[in-house]
């Protein structure tokens, strides 16, 4: 089982084997999850950068794509 020591600043280095299994790259975040008095470490998966656009095109459903482009260009 891989181990890591805590530095005087409270930092640890995640062993290479664990980083590879988690698919961690430099700069990525991890989460510590408490369950029944123990902690698990897992890769942090944030919201999709495209989440803000979810449903944006719903109002265009059924419209002619050429007509939409004409309207966007101010040609309609």
Protein backbone atom coordinates (compact mmCIF):
# COMPACT_ATOMS: atom_id res chain seq x y z
CA UNK A 1 0.00 0.00 0.00
CA UNK A 2 1.48 3.38 -1.02
CA UNK A 3 2.25 5.84 1.79
CA UNK A 4 3.00 9.55 2.04
CA UNK A 5 4.43 11.71 4.82
CA UNK A 6 2.89 14.98 5.92
CA UNK A 7 5.27 17.95 5.82
CA UNK A 8 5.43 20.66 8.49
CA UNK A 9 3.10 22.71 6.24
CA UNK A 10 0.51 19.91 6.16
CA UNK A 11 1.32 18.94 2.57
CA UNK A 12 1.67 15.47 1.09
CA UNK A 13 2.91 14.15 -2.21
CA UNK A 14 0.47 11.73 -3.78
CA UNK A 15 2.46 8.68 -4.89
CA UNK A 16 2.91 8.31 -8.64
CA UNK A 17 1.01 5.02 -8.71
CA UNK A 18 -2.05 6.68 -7.17
CA UNK A 19 -1.82 9.77 -9.41
CA UNK A 20 -1.76 7.52 -12.46
CA UNK A 21 -4.74 5.47 -11.27
CA UNK A 22 -6.73 8.64 -10.59
CA UNK A 23 -5.61 10.21 -13.88
CA UNK A 24 -4.32 13.28 -12.05
CA UNK A 25 -2.30 15.89 -13.90
CA UNK A 26 -0.36 18.79 -12.34
CA UNK A 27 -2.70 21.55 -11.23
CA UNK A 28 -5.80 19.36 -10.92
CA UNK A 29 -7.84 19.32 -7.71
CA UNK A 30 -8.64 16.41 -5.43
CA UNK A 31 -11.39 16.01 -2.84
CA UNK A 32 -11.30 14.42 0.60
CA UNK A 33 -14.54 12.61 1.38
CA UNK A 34 -15.36 11.54 4.95
CA UNK A 35 -17.23 8.28 5.38
CA UNK A 36 -17.71 6.55 8.73
CA UNK A 37 -14.78 8.36 10.35
CA UNK A 38 -12.37 7.64 7.48
CA UNK A 39 -11.33 9.77 4.53
CA UNK A 40 -11.09 8.88 0.86
CA UNK A 41 -9.28 10.92 -1.74
CA UNK A 42 -10.79 11.28 -5.18
CA UNK A 43 -10.29 13.35 -8.28
CA UNK A 44 -12.44 16.50 -8.23
CA UNK A 45 -14.77 16.68 -11.20
CA UNK A 46 -16.24 20.14 -11.52
CA UNK A 47 -19.20 21.24 -13.59
CA UNK A 48 -18.89 21.11 -17.34
CA UNK A 49 -17.87 24.44 -18.89
CA UNK A 50 -20.79 23.87 -21.27
CA UNK A 51 -23.38 23.47 -18.49
CA UNK A 52 -24.31 27.15 -18.73
CA UNK A 53 -25.50 26.58 -22.30
CA UNK A 54 -27.74 23.58 -21.48
CA UNK A 55 -31.18 24.20 -22.96
CA UNK A 56 -30.01 27.25 -24.89
CA UNK A 57 -31.02 25.80 -28.26
CA UNK A 58 -34.36 24.38 -27.07
CA UNK A 59 -36.19 27.49 -28.28
CA UNK A 60 -34.82 26.89 -31.78
CA UNK A 61 -36.16 23.35 -32.06
CA UNK A 62 -38.06 22.82 -35.29
CA UNK A 63 -36.79 26.00 -36.93
CA UNK A 64 -35.06 25.95 -40.30
CA UNK A 65 -31.28 26.22 -39.72
CA UNK A 66 -30.87 28.46 -42.79
CA UNK A 67 -33.53 30.83 -41.45
CA UNK A 68 -31.77 30.95 -38.07
CA UNK A 69 -28.47 31.89 -39.75
CA UNK A 70 -30.21 34.54 -41.83
CA UNK A 71 -31.74 36.03 -38.66
CA UNK A 72 -28.35 36.02 -36.89
CA UNK A 73 -26.77 37.81 -39.85
CA UNK A 74 -29.61 40.35 -39.96
CA UNK A 75 -30.74 39.17 -43.38
CA UNK A 76 -34.25 38.10 -42.38
